[in-house]
Amino acid sequence: MTRLPPLRSLPAALAAVAAAATVLHAPARAQADTTTWGLGLAVQPEKRPYRQFDDKTRLLPVLVLENRWLRVSGPGLEVKLGQAGGLGLGLTARYANDGYDASDSPALAGMAERKASVWLGARAAWRGGPGTLSAEWSGDASGHSKGQKLKLAAEHPFAAGSVLLTPRLALTWHDRRFAQYYFGVPAAEAAAGRPAYSPGGFVDTELALRAEHSPLPHQVVFADVGITALGRSLRHSPLVDRSTQPGLRLGWVYMF
């Protein structure tokens, strides 16, 4: 079932703003002593790997913001600590809507709620001839899963006529605690067709392409499309019925 529901909470709204902003290549626009920012809207289908999940399509606000000290990039914020040559360091805060309610799918009936979390961490990014290479570690600051993540990513923007294309490749490691909280089945929650399951850590692999075009001054339309190959222990969870996860975001931003 597809619908356009309102955002259910302020944290979810903040996450939506940040997540939608990933599609814009803000670093290319920001100057050292200026602030680049914009506002807009995006449409994003919410796909989850859970069996029979009630997929939704969300209309999201978009905020693009970057200056010498701050970047809205990815599903969160980065406070810049400094840069030496092409290497930049920063502290990150991200809200990840990884949780679920039992009502989200018949396959989750009888399961306890899994809550979304705020993730705090650090990021290092190197910009050079081959593009941008980055590494980001983060931990679950909300204490729900008590998990950790490590993401390694590479992207390289190039112009194709009037369109800016940015392919990217990302590997994200999730530890055992994350896997058990979101994709495990404790013995107390096991049921017919849903055996107890205790997964180990896993690595997701994402391949994606971002496209941006400015049809009018100050205005940018964008699309971000990708596919994620899910890690082995996640795929084997009785809660999951797929091996890959599609991703799509479409939208428009006015740059001030």
Protein backbone atom coordinates (compact mmCIF):
# COMPACT_ATOMS: atom_id res chain seq x y z
CA MET A 1 0.00 0.00 0.00
CA THR A 2 1.36 3.45 -0.96
CA ARG A 3 0.28 6.68 0.64
CA LEU A 4 1.56 10.09 1.67
CA PRO A 5 1.28 10.19 5.47
CA PRO A 6 2.30 13.08 7.69
CA LEU A 7 5.61 12.78 9.50
CA ARG A 8 4.89 11.23 12.89
CA SER A 9 7.35 13.11 15.08
CA LEU A 10 9.85 15.95 15.22
CA PRO A 11 12.83 13.56 15.17
CA ALA A 12 11.39 11.88 12.10
CA ALA A 13 10.91 15.26 10.45
CA LEU A 14 14.51 16.23 11.16
CA ALA A 15 15.68 12.93 9.74
CA ALA A 16 13.59 13.49 6.63
CA VAL A 17 15.10 16.94 6.07
CA ALA A 18 18.62 15.58 6.35
CA ALA A 19 17.99 12.42 4.35
CA ALA A 20 16.48 14.31 1.46
CA ALA A 21 19.46 16.67 1.41
CA THR A 22 21.85 13.85 0.53
CA VAL A 23 20.99 14.17 -3.12
CA LEU A 24 22.51 17.62 -3.58
CA HIS A 25 26.23 18.05 -4.12
CA ALA A 26 26.49 20.91 -1.63
CA PRO A 27 30.29 20.71 -1.18
CA ALA A 28 30.78 21.89 -4.75
CA ARG A 29 28.79 25.06 -4.06
CA ALA A 30 30.05 26.14 -0.67
CA GLN A 31 32.94 28.56 -0.31
CA ALA A 32 35.22 28.78 2.73
CA ASP A 33 33.76 32.01 4.13
CA THR A 34 30.18 31.83 2.88
CA THR A 35 27.03 29.89 3.70
CA THR A 36 25.26 28.04 0.90
CA TRP A 37 21.71 26.99 1.60
CA GLY A 38 18.46 26.05 -0.06
CA LEU A 39 14.95 24.77 0.60
CA GLY A 40 12.75 22.38 -1.34
CA LEU A 41 10.68 19.21 -1.45
CA ALA A 42 11.41 15.58 -2.24
CA VAL A 43 9.42 12.39 -2.77
CA GLN A 44 10.90 9.22 -1.30
CA PRO A 45 9.39 5.73 -1.25
CA GLU A 46 10.06 4.07 2.10
CA LYS A 47 11.23 0.54 1.36
CA ARG A 48 12.20 -1.87 4.13
CA PRO A 49 13.59 -5.40 3.85
CA TYR A 50 10.97 -6.84 6.24
CA ARG A 51 8.50 -9.38 4.89
CA GLN A 52 5.12 -7.91 3.87
CA PHE A 53 6.21 -4.47 5.12
CA ASP A 54 3.62 -1.71 4.65
CA ASP A 55 5.66 0.44 2.23
CA LYS A 56 4.92 4.15 2.23
CA THR A 57 5.82 7.09 0.01
CA ARG A 58 6.74 10.25 1.87
CA LEU A 59 6.71 13.89 0.80
CA LEU A 60 9.71 15.39 2.59
CA PRO A 61 11.10 18.87 3.18
CA VAL A 62 14.65 19.41 1.92
CA LEU A 63 17.29 21.57 3.58
CA VAL A 64 20.68 22.08 1.93
CA LEU A 65 23.21 23.89 4.12
CA GLU A 66 26.99 24.18 4.14
CA ASN A 67 29.56 26.64 5.39
CA ARG A 68 33.01 26.55 6.92
CA TRP A 69 31.81 24.81 10.10
CA LEU A 70 28.65 22.87 9.28
CA ARG A 71 27.28 20.56 6.61
CA VAL A 72 23.82 19.04 6.21
CA SER A 73 24.87 15.93 4.31
CA GLY A 74 23.62 12.38 4.32
CA PRO A 75 20.88 11.59 6.82
CA GLY A 76 22.26 13.97 9.43
CA LEU A 77 24.64 16.79 10.32
CA GLU A 78 28.40 17.14 10.31
CA VAL A 79 30.36 19.64 12.39
CA LYS A 80 33.65 20.28 10.60
CA LEU A 81 36.79 20.06 12.71
CA GLY A 82 39.22 21.25 10.06
CA GLN A 83 40.94 20.38 6.84
CA ALA A 84 44.56 19.77 5.84
CA GLY A 85 45.14 19.50 2.12
CA GLY A 86 42.39 17.30 0.78
CA LEU A 87 41.65 15.59 4.11
CA GLY A 88 38.75 16.84 6.21
CA LEU A 89 37.60 15.65 9.64
CA GLY A 90 34.22 16.09 11.31
CA LEU A 91 31.84 14.97 14.04
CA THR A 92 28.51 13.56 12.88
CA ALA A 93 24.99 13.20 14.26
CA ARG A 94 22.42 11.19 12.32
CA TYR A 95 18.87 10.06 12.98
CA ALA A 96 18.19 6.65 11.42
CA ASN A 97 14.60 5.46 11.14
CA ASP A 98 15.55 1.77 11.34
CA GLY A 99 12.82 0.78 13.79
CA TYR A 100 9.42 -0.80 13.27
CA ASP A 101 6.08 -1.39 14.95
CA ALA A 102 4.38 -4.78 15.00
CA SER A 103 1.56 -3.24 12.95
CA ASP A 104 3.93 -2.46 10.05
CA SER A 105 3.73 -6.04 8.75
CA PRO A 106 1.84 -9.28 9.46
CA ALA A 107 5.29 -10.91 9.70
CA LEU A 108 6.05 -8.65 12.70
CA ALA A 109 2.84 -9.40 14.62
CA GLY A 110 3.70 -10.17 18.23
CA MET A 111 7.14 -8.56 18.02
CA ALA A 112 8.05 -5.78 20.43
CA GLU A 113 8.63 -2.32 19.00
CA ARG A 114 12.12 -1.62 17.66
CA LYS A 115 12.93 2.05 18.11
CA ALA A 116 14.78 4.38 15.75
CA SER A 117 18.04 5.85 17.02
CA VAL A 118 20.34 8.85 16.94
CA TRP A 119 23.85 7.90 15.86
CA LEU A 120 26.90 9.95 16.90
CA GLY A 121 30.31 9.48 15.38
CA ALA A 122 33.25 10.83 13.42
CA ARG A 123 33.98 11.12 9.71
CA ALA A 124 37.14 11.52 7.64
CA ALA A 125 36.91 12.46 3.95
CA TRP A 126 39.64 12.89 1.36
CA ARG A 127 38.93 14.85 -1.82
CA GLY A 128 41.34 14.40 -4.69
CA GLY A 129 41.64 13.40 -8.33
CA PRO A 130 39.58 10.17 -8.04
CA GLY A 131 36.74 11.98 -6.23
CA THR A 132 35.83 11.75 -2.56
CA LEU A 133 36.78 8.83 -0.33
CA SER A 134 35.27 8.77 3.17
CA ALA A 135 35.13 6.67 6.31
CA GLU A 136 32.58 7.18 9.08
CA TRP A 137 32.21 5.36 12.38
CA SER A 138 29.10 5.85 14.53
CA GLY A 139 27.48 4.40 17.62
CA ASP A 140 23.87 4.23 18.79
CA ALA A 141 23.66 7.19 21.17
CA SER A 142 20.01 6.44 21.99
CA GLY A 143 21.01 3.11 23.54
CA HIS A 144 18.26 1.13 21.83
CA SER A 145 20.41 -1.32 19.88
CA LYS A 146 23.74 -0.30 21.50
CA GLY A 147 25.19 -1.06 18.07
CA GLN A 148 27.95 0.36 15.91
CA LYS A 149 28.39 1.07 12.21
CA LEU A 150 31.35 1.72 9.93
CA LYS A 151 30.74 3.13 6.46
CA LEU A 152 33.34 3.36 3.67
CA ALA A 153 32.25 5.29 0.58
CA ALA A 154 33.62 6.59 -2.72
CA GLU A 155 31.98 9.02 -5.14
CA HIS A 156 33.09 11.05 -8.14
CA PRO A 157 31.02 13.87 -9.72
CA PHE A 158 31.29 14.62 -13.44
CA ALA A 159 29.36 16.74 -15.92
CA ALA A 160 27.28 15.21 -18.71
CA GLY A 161 26.16 18.27 -20.62
CA SER A 162 24.06 20.34 -18.22
CA VAL A 163 23.59 17.46 -15.79
CA LEU A 164 25.92 16.73 -12.86
CA LEU A 165 26.22 12.98 -12.30
CA THR A 166 27.73 11.46 -9.16
CA PRO A 167 28.07 7.68 -8.99
CA ARG A 168 28.89 6.25 -5.55
CA LEU A 169 29.86 2.97 -3.96
CA ALA A 170 29.44 2.40 -0.22
CA LEU A 171 30.11 -0.49 2.15
CA THR A 172 28.46 -0.33 5.57
CA TRP A 173 29.35 -2.74 8.38
CA HIS A 174 26.78 -3.23 11.16
CA ASP A 175 27.81 -5.03 14.33
CA ARG A 176 26.10 -7.98 16.01
CA ARG A 177 24.13 -5.82 18.47
CA PHE A 178 22.57 -3.81 15.64
CA ALA A 179 21.74 -7.00 13.73
CA GLN A 180 20.18 -8.72 16.73
CA TYR A 181 18.06 -5.71 17.73
CA TYR A 182 16.57 -4.96 14.30
CA PHE A 183 16.66 -8.34 12.56
CA GLY A 184 16.91 -10.95 15.29
CA VAL A 185 14.04 -12.96 16.77
CA PRO A 186 14.37 -13.65 20.51
CA ALA A 187 12.96 -16.96 21.73
CA ALA A 188 10.15 -15.08 23.52
CA GLU A 189 9.01 -13.58 20.17
CA ALA A 190 9.29 -16.73 18.07
CA ALA A 191 6.10 -17.99 16.41
CA ALA A 192 4.92 -20.35 13.70
CA GLY A 193 6.82 -19.38 10.55
CA ARG A 194 9.12 -17.14 12.60
CA PRO A 195 11.76 -19.23 14.40
CA ALA A 196 14.16 -17.77 16.92
CA TYR A 197 17.16 -16.22 15.16
CA SER A 198 20.36 -14.58 16.41
CA PRO A 199 22.23 -12.92 13.51
CA GLY A 200 25.84 -11.83 13.45
CA GLY A 201 27.26 -8.62 12.06
CA PHE A 202 26.89 -7.95 8.34
CA VAL A 203 28.03 -5.67 5.51
CA ASP A 204 25.63 -3.93 3.10
CA THR A 205 26.90 -2.88 -0.35
CA GLU A 206 25.30 0.13 -2.05
CA LEU A 207 25.70 1.19 -5.68
CA ALA A 208 23.93 4.43 -6.60
CA LEU A 209 23.81 7.39 -8.96
CA ARG A 210 22.86 10.98 -8.15
CA ALA A 211 21.82 13.39 -10.94
CA GLU A 212 21.32 17.16 -10.65
CA HIS A 213 20.14 19.71 -13.18
CA SER A 214 19.48 23.48 -12.94
CA PRO A 215 16.73 24.35 -15.45
CA LEU A 216 16.38 27.90 -14.05
CA PRO A 217 18.64 30.19 -11.98
CA HIS A 218 18.79 29.15 -8.31
CA GLN A 219 16.69 26.04 -8.94
CA VAL A 220 17.88 22.44 -8.89
CA VAL A 221 15.97 19.26 -9.71
CA PHE A 222 17.53 16.01 -8.61
CA ALA A 223 17.20 12.25 -8.61
CA ASP A 224 19.06 9.69 -6.55
CA VAL A 225 18.62 6.05 -7.48
CA GLY A 226 20.45 3.02 -6.15
CA ILE A 227 20.43 -0.59 -5.06
CA THR A 228 21.81 -2.11 -1.86
CA ALA A 229 22.87 -5.74 -1.59
CA LEU A 230 21.95 -6.84 1.92
CA GLY A 231 24.43 -8.63 4.18
CA ARG A 232 24.30 -12.40 4.56
CA SER A 233 23.08 -12.66 8.16
CA LEU A 234 20.38 -10.07 7.46
CA ARG A 235 19.13 -11.99 4.41
CA HIS A 236 18.84 -15.16 6.49
CA SER A 237 16.60 -13.52 9.10
CA PRO A 238 13.04 -14.94 9.15
CA LEU A 239 11.87 -11.31 9.20
CA VAL A 240 13.40 -10.59 5.79
CA ASP A 241 12.28 -11.76 2.35
CA ARG A 242 14.70 -10.10 -0.06
CA SER A 243 18.39 -9.92 -0.86
CA THR A 244 18.49 -6.39 -2.26
CA GLN A 245 16.98 -3.06 -1.30
CA PRO A 246 16.07 -0.39 -3.91
CA GLY A 247 16.45 3.31 -3.17
CA LEU A 248 14.95 6.37 -4.87
CA ARG A 249 14.61 10.08 -4.11
CA LEU A 250 13.23 12.76 -6.47
CA GLY A 251 12.90 16.46 -5.75
CA TRP A 252 13.42 20.15 -6.28
CA VAL A 253 15.40 22.78 -4.35
CA TYR A 254 15.61 26.55 -4.51
CA MET A 255 19.17 27.74 -3.72
CA PHE A 256 19.30 31.17 -2.07
